[in-house]
Amino acid sequence: MIKEINHTCGKLNEKLGISIPLPNPGKETLKTTSVCHFVVGAGLVAAGVVFSSKWCAVLGGIGIISSIVLHQESNGGNDEP
């Protein structure tokens, strides 16, 4: 998924005549980021429960979903033939 987004953005950069280098994170970077997102997301969900804050719990849920997506991306994703 990241490669596809980088490819699309690269085409757009060429059409606009600009040169912006896009990051291409490795597997270890994606795994580390996945763990960080999970920890922060779980903390936000816990804080949302303790303080009765719906927004905090929703943001925590989004963080956990993000960690799952990043983990799948680090394992090769499901878009490879």
Protein backbone atom coordinates (compact mmCIF):
# COMPACT_ATOMS: atom_id res chain seq x y z
CA MET A 1 0.00 0.00 0.00
CA ILE A 2 2.82 2.42 0.85
CA LYS A 3 4.57 1.67 -2.44
CA GLU A 4 1.36 2.37 -4.38
CA ILE A 5 0.84 5.70 -2.59
CA ASN A 6 4.47 6.70 -3.18
CA HIS A 7 4.16 5.78 -6.86
CA THR A 8 0.97 7.85 -7.26
CA CYS A 9 2.49 10.83 -5.44
CA GLY A 10 5.61 10.52 -7.61
CA LYS A 11 3.49 10.77 -10.76
CA LEU A 12 1.70 13.82 -9.35
CA ASN A 13 5.04 15.42 -8.48
CA GLU A 14 6.25 14.89 -12.06
CA LYS A 15 3.10 16.46 -13.51
CA LEU A 16 3.43 19.46 -11.19
CA GLY A 17 7.15 19.77 -11.90
CA ILE A 18 8.25 19.48 -8.31
CA SER A 19 10.74 17.17 -6.67
CA ILE A 20 9.80 15.96 -3.20
CA PRO A 21 11.54 12.82 -1.96
CA LEU A 22 9.09 10.41 -0.37
CA PRO A 23 10.07 8.12 2.49
CA ASN A 24 10.08 4.38 1.93
CA PRO A 25 10.13 2.82 5.41
CA GLY A 26 11.58 -0.63 5.96
CA LYS A 27 10.00 -3.57 7.78
CA GLU A 28 11.66 -2.79 11.12
CA THR A 29 10.51 0.81 11.00
CA LEU A 30 6.94 -0.27 10.27
CA LYS A 31 7.01 -2.80 13.12
CA THR A 32 8.36 -0.23 15.58
CA THR A 33 5.75 2.29 14.50
CA SER A 34 3.04 -0.34 14.82
CA VAL A 35 4.02 -1.05 18.43
CA CYS A 36 4.12 2.67 19.26
CA HIS A 37 0.67 3.24 17.75
CA PHE A 38 -0.72 0.30 19.70
CA VAL A 39 0.72 1.52 23.02
CA VAL A 40 -0.55 5.06 22.53
CA GLY A 41 -3.93 3.81 21.29
CA ALA A 42 -4.37 1.47 24.25
CA GLY A 43 -3.41 4.31 26.60
CA LEU A 44 -5.95 6.62 25.02
CA VAL A 45 -8.69 3.98 25.21
CA ALA A 46 -7.86 3.39 28.89
CA ALA A 47 -7.88 7.14 29.58
CA GLY A 48 -11.18 7.46 27.73
CA VAL A 49 -12.72 4.78 29.93
CA VAL A 50 -11.31 6.19 33.18
CA PHE A 51 -12.24 9.81 32.43
CA SER A 52 -15.47 9.04 30.52
CA SER A 53 -14.15 10.79 27.44
CA LYS A 54 -15.66 9.47 24.22
CA TRP A 55 -13.24 11.41 22.02
CA CYS A 56 -10.23 10.01 23.82
CA ALA A 57 -11.57 6.47 23.43
CA VAL A 58 -12.31 7.05 19.72
CA LEU A 59 -8.81 8.39 19.08
CA GLY A 60 -7.38 5.39 20.92
CA GLY A 61 -9.43 3.04 18.75
CA ILE A 62 -8.13 4.76 15.64
CA GLY A 63 -4.57 4.37 16.96
CA ILE A 64 -5.11 0.65 17.52
CA ILE A 65 -6.58 0.22 14.03
CA SER A 66 -3.59 2.10 12.64
CA SER A 67 -1.22 -0.26 14.45
CA ILE A 68 -3.00 -3.28 12.93
CA VAL A 69 -2.73 -1.83 9.43
CA LEU A 70 0.95 -1.01 9.91
CA HIS A 71 1.62 -4.51 11.25
CA GLN A 72 -0.01 -6.07 8.18
CA GLU A 73 1.97 -3.73 5.93
CA SER A 74 5.22 -4.74 7.64
CA ASN A 75 4.40 -8.41 6.99
CA GLY A 76 4.02 -7.79 3.29
CA GLY A 77 0.35 -6.80 3.26
CA ASN A 78 -2.30 -8.57 1.29
CA ASP A 79 -1.74 -6.76 -2.00
CA GLU A 80 1.21 -8.81 -3.18
CA PRO A 81 0.63 -11.34 -5.96
